[in-house]
Amino acid sequence: MAGTFEELGFAGGSDLALGLATIGLIFGVILGIILINYAVKKGKTEIITNTREISLKEQAGIVEFDNRVSAGKLTTRTESIEPLSLHFAYVGWPLDWVILCNNPWFYWKI
């Protein structure tokens, strides 16, 4: 993509595109959270109808062992975090640490 911008005479275009993409992502997440909270308060959501009825354990997202839903075995509530994403984080974070912290030559080539 940077090569295309340079061919068009706009060498800083790739930096601008990366910056605008980052701003768009952050804005989308923040605006999405605001809109979801507004919809919950106005009663426009189907899954969460009243925030006062949600216990602290449900808000934390961890399902007690005896109450886990059969889908394999869900370890978290899908209202808080999708279980596959959490397990990818469990595997990815140590793997990232091993790759970046124990291989200095790899870190500097990124």
PDB file of N, CA and C in Angstrom:
ATOM      1  N   MET A   1       0.820  -1.182   0.000  1.00  0.00           N
ATOM      2  CA  MET A   1       0.000   0.000   0.000  1.00  0.00           C
ATOM      3  C   MET A   1       0.869   1.252   0.000  1.00  0.00           C
ATOM      4  N   ALA A   2       1.990   1.211   0.720  1.00  0.00           N
ATOM      5  CA  ALA A   2       2.877   2.369   0.768  1.00  0.00           C
ATOM      6  C   ALA A   2       3.434   2.673  -0.619  1.00  0.00           C
ATOM      7  N   GLY A   3       3.728   1.618  -1.382  1.00  0.00           N
ATOM      8  CA  GLY A   3       4.232   1.810  -2.738  1.00  0.00           C
ATOM      9  C   GLY A   3       3.228   2.517  -3.633  1.00  0.00           C
ATOM     10  N   THR A   4       1.969   2.198  -3.489  1.00  0.00           N
ATOM     11  CA  THR A   4       0.923   2.839  -4.278  1.00  0.00           C
ATOM     12  C   THR A   4       0.834   4.321  -3.956  1.00  0.00           C
ATOM     13  N   PHE A   5       0.899   4.660  -2.676  1.00  0.00           N
ATOM     14  CA  PHE A   5       0.870   6.067  -2.293  1.00  0.00           C
ATOM     15  C   PHE A   5       2.084   6.816  -2.851  1.00  0.00           C
ATOM     16  N   GLU A   6       3.253   6.171  -2.817  1.00  0.00           N
ATOM     17  CA  GLU A   6       4.463   6.816  -3.343  1.00  0.00           C
ATOM     18  C   GLU A   6       4.371   7.027  -4.848  1.00  0.00           C
ATOM     19  N   GLU A   7       3.801   6.046  -5.558  1.00  0.00           N
ATOM     20  CA  GLU A   7       3.608   6.196  -7.012  1.00  0.00           C
ATOM     21  C   GLU A   7       2.694   7.366  -7.341  1.00  0.00           C
ATOM     22  N   LEU A   8       1.731   7.623  -6.464  1.00  0.00           N
ATOM     23  CA  LEU A   8       0.794   8.724  -6.679  1.00  0.00           C
ATOM     24  C   LEU A   8       1.328  10.052  -6.172  1.00  0.00           C
ATOM     25  N   GLY A   9       2.552  10.058  -5.640  1.00  0.00           N
ATOM     26  CA  GLY A   9       3.159  11.293  -5.172  1.00  0.00           C
ATOM     27  C   GLY A   9       2.725  11.699  -3.766  1.00  0.00           C
ATOM     28  N   PHE A  10       2.239  10.761  -3.000  1.00  0.00           N
ATOM     29  CA  PHE A  10       1.768  11.050  -1.642  1.00  0.00           C
ATOM     30  C   PHE A  10       2.477  10.091  -0.685  1.00  0.00           C
ATOM     31  N   ALA A  11       3.749  10.388  -0.416  1.00  0.00           N
ATOM     32  CA  ALA A  11       4.603   9.488   0.369  1.00  0.00           C
ATOM     33  C   ALA A  11       4.088   9.293   1.794  1.00  0.00           C
ATOM     34  N   GLY A  12       3.446  10.291   2.353  1.00  0.00           N
ATOM     35  CA  GLY A  12       2.936  10.170   3.722  1.00  0.00           C
ATOM     36  C   GLY A  12       1.565   9.522   3.802  1.00  0.00           C
ATOM     37  N   GLY A  13       1.055   9.057   2.683  1.00  0.00           N
ATOM     38  CA  GLY A  13      -0.289   8.479   2.649  1.00  0.00           C
ATOM     39  C   GLY A  13      -0.449   7.231   3.489  1.00  0.00           C
ATOM     40  N   SER A  14       0.578   6.386   3.526  1.00  0.00           N
ATOM     41  CA  SER A  14       0.450   5.152   4.317  1.00  0.00           C
ATOM     42  C   SER A  14       0.399   5.467   5.809  1.00  0.00           C
ATOM     43  N   ASP A  15       1.173   6.462   6.245  1.00  0.00           N
ATOM     44  CA  ASP A  15       1.113   6.864   7.657  1.00  0.00           C
ATOM     45  C   ASP A  15      -0.238   7.473   7.994  1.00  0.00           C
ATOM     46  N   LEU A  16      -0.756   8.287   7.090  1.00  0.00           N
ATOM     47  CA  LEU A  16      -2.071   8.893   7.297  1.00  0.00           C
ATOM     48  C   LEU A  16      -3.159   7.820   7.350  1.00  0.00           C
ATOM     49  N   ALA A  17      -3.086   6.843   6.444  1.00  0.00           N
ATOM     50  CA  ALA A  17      -4.080   5.766   6.412  1.00  0.00           C
ATOM     51  C   ALA A  17      -4.041   4.953   7.705  1.00  0.00           C
ATOM     52  N   LEU A  18      -2.847   4.650   8.193  1.00  0.00           N
ATOM     53  CA  LEU A  18      -2.716   3.896   9.439  1.00  0.00           C
ATOM     54  C   LEU A  18      -3.272   4.690  10.614  1.00  0.00           C
ATOM     55  N   GLY A  19      -2.982   5.973  10.667  1.00  0.00           N
ATOM     56  CA  GLY A  19      -3.503   6.827  11.739  1.00  0.00           C
ATOM     57  C   GLY A  19      -5.017   6.937  11.703  1.00  0.00           C
ATOM     58  N   LEU A  20      -5.576   7.122  10.521  1.00  0.00           N
ATOM     59  CA  LEU A  20      -7.030   7.236  10.407  1.00  0.00           C
ATOM     60  C   LEU A  20      -7.725   5.908  10.717  1.00  0.00           C
ATOM     61  N   ALA A  21      -7.104   4.797  10.345  1.00  0.00           N
ATOM     62  CA  ALA A  21      -7.680   3.491  10.677  1.00  0.00           C
ATOM     63  C   ALA A  21      -7.699   3.283  12.188  1.00  0.00           C
ATOM     64  N   THR A  22      -6.632   3.701  12.859  1.00  0.00           N
ATOM     65  CA  THR A  22      -6.567   3.576  14.314  1.00  0.00           C
ATOM     66  C   THR A  22      -7.630   4.443  14.975  1.00  0.00           C
ATOM     67  N   ILE A  23      -7.763   5.668  14.523  1.00  0.00           N
ATOM     68  CA  ILE A  23      -8.775   6.570  15.076  1.00  0.00           C
ATOM     69  C   ILE A  23     -10.174   6.007  14.833  1.00  0.00           C
ATOM     70  N   GLY A  24     -10.417   5.466  13.646  1.00  0.00           N
ATOM     71  CA  GLY A  24     -11.716   4.873  13.335  1.00  0.00           C
ATOM     72  C   GLY A  24     -12.032   3.688  14.225  1.00  0.00           C
ATOM     73  N   LEU A  25     -11.044   2.857  14.490  1.00  0.00           N
ATOM     74  CA  LEU A  25     -11.252   1.701  15.354  1.00  0.00           C
ATOM     75  C   LEU A  25     -11.569   2.134  16.782  1.00  0.00           C
ATOM     76  N   ILE A  26     -10.798   3.060  17.303  1.00  0.00           N
ATOM     77  CA  ILE A  26     -11.029   3.550  18.669  1.00  0.00           C
ATOM     78  C   ILE A  26     -12.397   4.229  18.765  1.00  0.00           C
ATOM     79  N   PHE A  27     -12.720   5.074  17.797  1.00  0.00           N
ATOM     80  CA  PHE A  27     -14.004   5.764  17.791  1.00  0.00           C
ATOM     81  C   PHE A  27     -15.156   4.773  17.717  1.00  0.00           C
ATOM     82  N   GLY A  28     -15.013   3.736  16.874  1.00  0.00           N
ATOM     83  CA  GLY A  28     -16.058   2.728  16.747  1.00  0.00           C
ATOM     84  C   GLY A  28     -16.295   1.958  18.033  1.00  0.00           C
ATOM     85  N   VAL A  29     -15.227   1.608  18.734  1.00  0.00           N
ATOM     86  CA  VAL A  29     -15.365   0.880  19.998  1.00  0.00           C
ATOM     87  C   VAL A  29     -16.040   1.762  21.042  1.00  0.00           C
ATOM     88  N   ILE A  30     -15.575   2.995  21.184  1.00  0.00           N
ATOM     89  CA  ILE A  30     -16.139   3.894  22.195  1.00  0.00           C
ATOM     90  C   ILE A  30     -17.597   4.214  21.880  1.00  0.00           C
ATOM     91  N   LEU A  31     -17.899   4.556  20.633  1.00  0.00           N
ATOM     92  CA  LEU A  31     -19.274   4.858  20.253  1.00  0.00           C
ATOM     93  C   LEU A  31     -20.168   3.628  20.409  1.00  0.00           C
ATOM     94  N   GLY A  32     -19.653   2.448  20.076  1.00  0.00           N
ATOM     95  CA  GLY A  32     -20.421   1.217  20.239  1.00  0.00           C
ATOM     96  C   GLY A  32     -20.783   0.953  21.693  1.00  0.00           C
ATOM     97  N   ILE A  33     -19.836   1.168  22.591  1.00  0.00           N
ATOM     98  CA  ILE A  33     -20.102   0.981  24.019  1.00  0.00           C
ATOM     99  C   ILE A  33     -21.150   1.969  24.499  1.00  0.00           C
ATOM    100  N   ILE A  34     -21.037   3.203  24.063  1.00  0.00           N
ATOM    101  CA  ILE A  34     -22.021   4.224  24.450  1.00  0.00           C
ATOM    102  C   ILE A  34     -23.412   3.848  23.951  1.00  0.00           C
ATOM    103  N   LEU A  35     -23.504   3.414  22.687  1.00  0.00           N
ATOM    104  CA  LEU A  35     -24.807   3.046  22.122  1.00  0.00           C
ATOM    105  C   LEU A  35     -25.401   1.814  22.806  1.00  0.00           C
ATOM    106  N   ILE A  36     -24.573   0.844  23.142  1.00  0.00           N
ATOM    107  CA  ILE A  36     -25.081  -0.347  23.839  1.00  0.00           C
ATOM    108  C   ILE A  36     -25.585   0.030  25.223  1.00  0.00           C
ATOM    109  N   ASN A  37     -24.838   0.832  25.951  1.00  0.00           N
ATOM    110  CA  ASN A  37     -25.284   1.257  27.279  1.00  0.00           C
ATOM    111  C   ASN A  37     -26.584   2.048  27.205  1.00  0.00           C
ATOM    112  N   TYR A  38     -26.712   2.917  26.215  1.00  0.00           N
ATOM    113  CA  TYR A  38     -27.937   3.684  26.030  1.00  0.00           C
ATOM    114  C   TYR A  38     -29.119   2.757  25.737  1.00  0.00           C
ATOM    115  N   ALA A  39     -28.897   1.771  24.848  1.00  0.00           N
ATOM    116  CA  ALA A  39     -29.974   0.835  24.493  1.00  0.00           C
ATOM    117  C   ALA A  39     -30.399   0.001  25.696  1.00  0.00           C
ATOM    118  N   VAL A  40     -29.459  -0.398  26.532  1.00  0.00           N
ATOM    119  CA  VAL A  40     -29.808  -1.180  27.730  1.00  0.00           C
ATOM    120  C   VAL A  40     -30.632  -0.326  28.687  1.00  0.00           C
ATOM    121  N   LYS A  41     -30.229   0.923  28.882  1.00  0.00           N
ATOM    122  CA  LYS A  41     -30.968   1.799  29.795  1.00  0.00           C
ATOM    123  C   LYS A  41     -32.380   2.080  29.297  1.00  0.00           C
ATOM    124  N   LYS A  42     -32.568   2.144  27.984  1.00  0.00           N
ATOM    125  CA  LYS A  42     -33.890   2.411  27.413  1.00  0.00           C
ATOM    126  C   LYS A  42     -34.712   1.139  27.204  1.00  0.00           C
ATOM    127  N   GLY A  43     -34.141  -0.035  27.519  1.00  0.00           N
ATOM    128  CA  GLY A  43     -34.875  -1.290  27.375  1.00  0.00           C
ATOM    129  C   GLY A  43     -35.013  -1.768  25.944  1.00  0.00           C
ATOM    130  N   LYS A  44     -34.094  -1.417  25.078  1.00  0.00           N
ATOM    131  CA  LYS A  44     -34.179  -1.779  23.666  1.00  0.00           C
ATOM    132  C   LYS A  44     -33.424  -3.061  23.323  1.00  0.00           C
ATOM    133  N   THR A  45     -32.786  -3.685  24.301  1.00  0.00           N
ATOM    134  CA  THR A  45     -32.021  -4.899  24.037  1.00  0.00           C
ATOM    135  C   THR A  45     -32.835  -6.137  24.372  1.00  0.00           C
ATOM    136  N   GLU A  46     -32.499  -7.260  23.746  1.00  0.00           N
ATOM    137  CA  GLU A  46     -33.231  -8.501  23.964  1.00  0.00           C
ATOM    138  C   GLU A  46     -32.602  -9.366  25.049  1.00  0.00           C
ATOM    139  N   ILE A  47     -31.289  -9.406  25.127  1.00  0.00           N
ATOM    140  CA  ILE A  47     -30.620 -10.292  26.078  1.00  0.00           C
ATOM    141  C   ILE A  47     -30.574  -9.663  27.463  1.00  0.00           C
ATOM    142  N   ILE A  48     -30.099  -8.445  27.552  1.00  0.00           N
ATOM    143  CA  ILE A  48     -30.032  -7.754  28.838  1.00  0.00           C
ATOM    144  C   ILE A  48     -31.195  -6.770  28.889  1.00  0.00           C
ATOM    145  N   THR A  49     -32.139  -7.044  29.767  1.00  0.00           N
ATOM    146  CA  THR A  49     -33.316  -6.179  29.846  1.00  0.00           C
ATOM    147  C   THR A  49     -33.258  -5.234  31.039  1.00  0.00           C
ATOM    148  N   ASN A  50     -32.622  -5.657  32.125  1.00  0.00           N
ATOM    149  CA  ASN A  50     -32.546  -4.818  33.312  1.00  0.00           C
ATOM    150  C   ASN A  50     -31.208  -5.075  33.996  1.00  0.00           C
ATOM    151  N   THR A  51     -30.392  -4.040  34.115  1.00  0.00           N
ATOM    152  CA  THR A  51     -29.061  -4.218  34.695  1.00  0.00           C
ATOM    153  C   THR A  51     -29.112  -4.452  36.191  1.00  0.00           C
ATOM    154  N   ARG A  52     -30.188  -4.115  36.850  1.00  0.00           N
ATOM    155  CA  ARG A  52     -30.282  -4.321  38.294  1.00  0.00           C
ATOM    156  C   ARG A  52     -30.457  -5.797  38.647  1.00  0.00           C
ATOM    157  N   GLU A  53     -30.913  -6.608  37.698  1.00  0.00           N
ATOM    158  CA  GLU A  53     -31.132  -8.029  37.941  1.00  0.00           C
ATOM    159  C   GLU A  53     -29.873  -8.863  37.754  1.00  0.00           C
ATOM    160  N   ILE A  54     -28.796  -8.283  37.252  1.00  0.00           N
ATOM    161  CA  ILE A  54     -27.577  -9.021  36.964  1.00  0.00           C
ATOM    162  C   ILE A  54     -26.705  -9.076  38.213  1.00  0.00           C
ATOM    163  N   SER A  55     -26.347 -10.291  38.636  1.00  0.00           N
ATOM    164  CA  SER A  55     -25.509 -10.447  39.829  1.00  0.00           C
ATOM    165  C   SER A  55     -24.057 -10.088  39.498  1.00  0.00           C
ATOM    166  N   LEU A  56     -23.242  -9.933  40.536  1.00  0.00           N
ATOM    167  CA  LEU A  56     -21.833  -9.613  40.331  1.00  0.00           C
ATOM    168  C   LEU A  56     -21.107 -10.741  39.609  1.00  0.00           C
ATOM    169  N   LYS A  57     -21.486 -11.991  39.886  1.00  0.00           N
ATOM    170  CA  LYS A  57     -20.847 -13.116  39.201  1.00  0.00           C
ATOM    171  C   LYS A  57     -21.177 -13.101  37.710  1.00  0.00           C
ATOM    172  N   GLU A  58     -22.408 -12.753  37.360  1.00  0.00           N
ATOM    173  CA  GLU A  58     -22.777 -12.656  35.949  1.00  0.00           C
ATOM    174  C   GLU A  58     -22.034 -11.514  35.271  1.00  0.00           C
ATOM    175  N   GLN A  59     -21.851 -10.403  35.988  1.00  0.00           N
ATOM    176  CA  GLN A  59     -21.124  -9.278  35.417  1.00  0.00           C
ATOM    177  C   GLN A  59     -19.662  -9.624  35.188  1.00  0.00           C
ATOM    178  N   ALA A  60     -19.090 -10.440  36.071  1.00  0.00           N
ATOM    179  CA  ALA A  60     -17.694 -10.852  35.912  1.00  0.00           C
ATOM    180  C   ALA A  60     -17.532 -11.795  34.727  1.00  0.00           C
ATOM    181  N   GLY A  61     -18.590 -12.545  34.397  1.00  0.00           N
ATOM    182  CA  GLY A  61     -18.558 -13.390  33.216  1.00  0.00           C
ATOM    183  C   GLY A  61     -18.126 -14.821  33.462  1.00  0.00           C
ATOM    184  N   ILE A  62     -17.673 -15.151  34.643  1.00  0.00           N
ATOM    185  CA  ILE A  62     -17.237 -16.514  34.920  1.00  0.00           C
ATOM    186  C   ILE A  62     -18.439 -17.343  35.369  1.00  0.00           C
ATOM    187  N   VAL A  63     -18.597 -18.509  34.752  1.00  0.00           N
ATOM    188  CA  VAL A  63     -19.708 -19.398  35.071  1.00  0.00           C
ATOM    189  C   VAL A  63     -19.222 -20.415  36.104  1.00  0.00           C
ATOM    190  N   GLU A  64     -20.000 -20.596  37.166  1.00  0.00           N
ATOM    191  CA  GLU A  64     -19.654 -21.598  38.168  1.00  0.00           C
ATOM    192  C   GLU A  64     -19.683 -22.977  37.522  1.00  0.00           C
ATOM    193  N   PHE A  65     -18.867 -23.876  38.047  1.00  0.00           N
ATOM    194  CA  PHE A  65     -18.698 -25.188  37.424  1.00  0.00           C
ATOM    195  C   PHE A  65     -20.016 -25.941  37.274  1.00  0.00           C
ATOM    196  N   ASP A  66     -20.859 -25.921  38.287  1.00  0.00           N
ATOM    197  CA  ASP A  66     -22.121 -26.663  38.246  1.00  0.00           C
ATOM    198  C   ASP A  66     -23.157 -26.039  37.319  1.00  0.00           C
ATOM    199  N   ASN A  67     -23.021 -24.759  36.993  1.00  0.00           N
ATOM    200  CA  ASN A  67     -24.005 -24.055  36.171  1.00  0.00           C
ATOM    201  C   ASN A  67     -23.573 -23.878  34.719  1.00  0.00           C
ATOM    202  N   ARG A  68     -22.510 -24.529  34.294  1.00  0.00           N
ATOM    203  CA  ARG A  68     -22.009 -24.346  32.930  1.00  0.00           C
ATOM    204  C   ARG A  68     -22.967 -24.959  31.920  1.00  0.00           C
ATOM    205  N   VAL A  69     -23.162 -24.239  30.829  1.00  0.00           N
ATOM    206  CA  VAL A  69     -24.055 -24.670  29.759  1.00  0.00           C
ATOM    207  C   VAL A  69     -23.315 -25.666  28.875  1.00  0.00           C
ATOM    208  N   SER A  70     -24.007 -26.688  28.416  1.00  0.00           N
ATOM    209  CA  SER A  70     -23.381 -27.688  27.567  1.00  0.00           C
ATOM    210  C   SER A  70     -23.239 -27.154  26.150  1.00  0.00           C
ATOM    211  N   ALA A  71     -22.033 -26.886  25.766  1.00  0.00           N
ATOM    212  CA  ALA A  71     -21.670 -26.514  24.401  1.00  0.00           C
ATOM    213  C   ALA A  71     -20.201 -26.857  24.300  1.00  0.00           C
ATOM    214  N   GLY A  72     -19.882 -28.071  24.531  1.00  0.00           N
ATOM    215  CA  GLY A  72     -18.601 -28.450  25.037  1.00  0.00           C
ATOM    216  C   GLY A  72     -18.782 -28.202  26.521  1.00  0.00           C
ATOM    217  N   LYS A  73     -18.072 -27.318  27.074  1.00  0.00           N
ATOM    218  CA  LYS A  73     -18.304 -26.783  28.418  1.00  0.00           C
ATOM    219  C   LYS A  73     -17.878 -25.324  28.381  1.00  0.00           C
ATOM    220  N   LEU A  74     -18.820 -24.414  28.424  1.00  0.00           N
ATOM    221  CA  LEU A  74     -18.502 -22.996  28.410  1.00  0.00           C
ATOM    222  C   LEU A  74     -17.875 -22.607  29.737  1.00  0.00           C
ATOM    223  N   THR A  75     -16.759 -21.888  29.684  1.00  0.00           N
ATOM    224  CA  THR A  75     -16.078 -21.464  30.899  1.00  0.00           C
ATOM    225  C   THR A  75     -16.398 -20.025  31.260  1.00  0.00           C
ATOM    226  N   THR A  76     -16.936 -19.269  30.323  1.00  0.00           N
ATOM    227  CA  THR A  76     -17.298 -17.874  30.589  1.00  0.00           C
ATOM    228  C   THR A  76     -18.694 -17.613  30.060  1.00  0.00           C
ATOM    229  N   ARG A  77     -19.287 -16.531  30.523  1.00  0.00           N
ATOM    230  CA  ARG A  77     -20.587 -16.112  29.998  1.00  0.00           C
ATOM    231  C   ARG A  77     -20.347 -15.353  28.691  1.00  0.00           C
ATOM    232  N   THR A  78     -21.105 -15.700  27.681  1.00  0.00           N
ATOM    233  CA  THR A  78     -20.904 -15.057  26.383  1.00  0.00           C
ATOM    234  C   THR A  78     -21.321 -13.600  26.394  1.00  0.00           C
ATOM    235  N   GLU A  79     -22.060 -13.159  27.411  1.00  0.00           N
ATOM    236  CA  GLU A  79     -22.420 -11.750  27.511  1.00  0.00           C
ATOM    237  C   GLU A  79     -21.186 -10.897  27.834  1.00  0.00           C
ATOM    238  N   SER A  80     -20.173 -11.491  28.487  1.00  0.00           N
ATOM    239  CA  SER A  80     -18.984 -10.746  28.895  1.00  0.00           C
ATOM    240  C   SER A  80     -17.850 -10.894  27.897  1.00  0.00           C
ATOM    241  N   ILE A  81     -17.500 -12.131  27.575  1.00  0.00           N
ATOM    242  CA  ILE A  81     -16.420 -12.375  26.623  1.00  0.00           C
ATOM    243  C   ILE A  81     -16.664 -13.718  25.952  1.00  0.00           C
ATOM    244  N   GLU A  82     -16.402 -13.790  24.686  1.00  0.00           N
ATOM    245  CA  GLU A  82     -16.590 -15.017  23.948  1.00  0.00           C
ATOM    246  C   GLU A  82     -15.492 -15.996  24.365  1.00  0.00           C
ATOM    247  N   PRO A  83     -15.838 -17.229  24.752  1.00  0.00           N
ATOM    248  CA  PRO A  83     -14.854 -18.164  25.303  1.00  0.00           C
ATOM    249  C   PRO A  83     -13.664 -18.444  24.384  1.00  0.00           C
ATOM    250  N   LEU A  84     -13.893 -18.560  23.081  1.00  0.00           N
ATOM    251  CA  LEU A  84     -12.792 -18.848  22.179  1.00  0.00           C
ATOM    252  C   LEU A  84     -11.775 -17.706  22.172  1.00  0.00           C
ATOM    253  N   SER A  85     -12.257 -16.456  22.238  1.00  0.00           N
ATOM    254  CA  SER A  85     -11.352 -15.308  22.298  1.00  0.00           C
ATOM    255  C   SER A  85     -10.498 -15.346  23.555  1.00  0.00           C
ATOM    256  N   LEU A  86     -11.111 -15.692  24.672  1.00  0.00           N
ATOM    257  CA  LEU A  86     -10.372 -15.777  25.925  1.00  0.00           C
ATOM    258  C   LEU A  86      -9.305 -16.864  25.852  1.00  0.00           C
ATOM    259  N   HIS A  87      -9.636 -17.996  25.266  1.00  0.00           N
ATOM    260  CA  HIS A  87      -8.659 -19.082  25.179  1.00  0.00           C
ATOM    261  C   HIS A  87      -7.551 -18.747  24.181  1.00  0.00           C
ATOM    262  N   PHE A  88      -7.863 -18.019  23.117  1.00  0.00           N
ATOM    263  CA  PHE A  88      -6.808 -17.536  22.224  1.00  0.00           C
ATOM    264  C   PHE A  88      -5.854 -16.607  22.983  1.00  0.00           C
ATOM    265  N   ALA A  89      -6.397 -15.773  23.852  1.00  0.00           N
ATOM    266  CA  ALA A  89      -5.555 -14.885  24.657  1.00  0.00           C
ATOM    267  C   ALA A  89      -4.680 -15.685  25.610  1.00  0.00           C
ATOM    268  N   TYR A  90      -5.249 -16.740  26.216  1.00  0.00           N
ATOM    269  CA  TYR A  90      -4.468 -17.594  27.116  1.00  0.00           C
ATOM    270  C   TYR A  90      -3.277 -18.222  26.394  1.00  0.00           C
ATOM    271  N   VAL A  91      -3.462 -18.613  25.152  1.00  0.00           N
ATOM    272  CA  VAL A  91      -2.393 -19.248  24.390  1.00  0.00           C
ATOM    273  C   VAL A  91      -1.486 -18.194  23.746  1.00  0.00           C
ATOM    274  N   GLY A  92      -2.075 -17.123  23.239  1.00  0.00           N
ATOM    275  CA  GLY A  92      -1.319 -16.123  22.493  1.00  0.00           C
ATOM    276  C   GLY A  92      -0.389 -15.283  23.323  1.00  0.00           C
ATOM    277  N   TRP A  93      -0.802 -14.916  24.524  1.00  0.00           N
ATOM    278  CA  TRP A  93       0.038 -14.046  25.343  1.00  0.00           C
ATOM    279  C   TRP A  93       1.361 -14.709  25.719  1.00  0.00           C
ATOM    280  N   PRO A  94       1.360 -15.933  26.237  1.00  0.00           N
ATOM    281  CA  PRO A  94       2.660 -16.555  26.527  1.00  0.00           C
ATOM    282  C   PRO A  94       3.478 -16.807  25.263  1.00  0.00           C
ATOM    283  N   LEU A  95       2.805 -17.164  24.170  1.00  0.00           N
ATOM    284  CA  LEU A  95       3.516 -17.385  22.920  1.00  0.00           C
ATOM    285  C   LEU A  95       4.170 -16.094  22.440  1.00  0.00           C
ATOM    286  N   ASP A  96       3.460 -14.993  22.533  1.00  0.00           N
ATOM    287  CA  ASP A  96       4.001 -13.684  22.178  1.00  0.00           C
ATOM    288  C   ASP A  96       5.209 -13.359  23.036  1.00  0.00           C
ATOM    289  N   TRP A  97       5.109 -13.638  24.313  1.00  0.00           N
ATOM    290  CA  TRP A  97       6.214 -13.364  25.227  1.00  0.00           C
ATOM    291  C   TRP A  97       7.444 -14.186  24.859  1.00  0.00           C
ATOM    292  N   VAL A  98       7.242 -15.456  24.554  1.00  0.00           N
ATOM    293  CA  VAL A  98       8.356 -16.336  24.194  1.00  0.00           C
ATOM    294  C   VAL A  98       9.025 -15.843  22.914  1.00  0.00           C
ATOM    295  N   ILE A  99       8.232 -15.496  21.926  1.00  0.00           N
ATOM    296  CA  ILE A  99       8.793 -15.067  20.642  1.00  0.00           C
ATOM    297  C   ILE A  99       9.523 -13.734  20.777  1.00  0.00           C
ATOM    298  N   LEU A 100       8.881 -12.746  21.389  1.00  0.00           N
ATOM    299  CA  LEU A 100       9.467 -11.411  21.418  1.00  0.00           C
ATOM    300  C   LEU A 100      10.546 -11.238  22.477  1.00  0.00           C
ATOM    301  N   CYS A 101      10.362 -11.810  23.647  1.00  0.00           N
ATOM    302  CA  CYS A 101      11.320 -11.579  24.730  1.00  0.00           C
ATOM    303  C   CYS A 101      12.541 -12.489  24.657  1.00  0.00           C
ATOM    304  N   ASN A 102      12.411 -13.649  24.097  1.00  0.00           N
ATOM    305  CA  ASN A 102      13.527 -14.590  24.070  1.00  0.00           C
ATOM    306  C   ASN A 102      14.259 -14.621  22.738  1.00  0.00           C
ATOM    307  N   ASN A 103      13.820 -13.863  21.768  1.00  0.00           N
ATOM    308  CA  ASN A 103      14.487 -13.780  20.474  1.00  0.00           C
ATOM    309  C   ASN A 103      14.719 -12.315  20.118  1.00  0.00           C
ATOM    310  N   PRO A 104      15.798 -11.715  20.627  1.00  0.00           N
ATOM    311  CA  PRO A 104      16.004 -10.285  20.373  1.00  0.00           C
ATOM    312  C   PRO A 104      16.139  -9.946  18.893  1.00  0.00           C
ATOM    313  N   TRP A 105      16.658 -10.863  18.074  1.00  0.00           N
ATOM    314  CA  TRP A 105      16.795 -10.561  16.654  1.00  0.00           C
ATOM    315  C   TRP A 105      15.433 -10.440  15.982  1.00  0.00           C
ATOM    316  N   PHE A 106      14.444 -11.193  16.450  1.00  0.00           N
ATOM    317  CA  PHE A 106      13.106 -11.135  15.878  1.00  0.00           C
ATOM    318  C   PHE A 106      12.433  -9.824  16.240  1.00  0.00           C
ATOM    319  N   TYR A 107      12.624  -9.367  17.469  1.00  0.00           N
ATOM    320  CA  TYR A 107      11.972  -8.151  17.942  1.00  0.00           C
ATOM    321  C   TYR A 107      12.393  -6.937  17.116  1.00  0.00           C
ATOM    322  N   TRP A 108      13.652  -6.849  16.774  1.00  0.00           N
ATOM    323  CA  TRP A 108      14.144  -5.661  16.073  1.00  0.00           C
ATOM    324  C   TRP A 108      13.811  -5.682  14.594  1.00  0.00           C
ATOM    325  N   LYS A 109      13.425  -6.799  14.038  1.00  0.00           N
ATOM    326  CA  LYS A 109      13.093  -6.864  12.622  1.00  0.00           C
ATOM    327  C   LYS A 109      11.647  -6.524  12.327  1.00  0.00           C
ATOM    328  N   ILE A 110      10.818  -6.382  13.342  1.00  0.00           N
ATOM    329  CA  ILE A 110       9.399  -6.082  13.145  1.00  0.00           C
ATOM    330  C   ILE A 110       9.224  -4.687  12.612  1.00  0.00           C
TER     331      ILE A 110
END
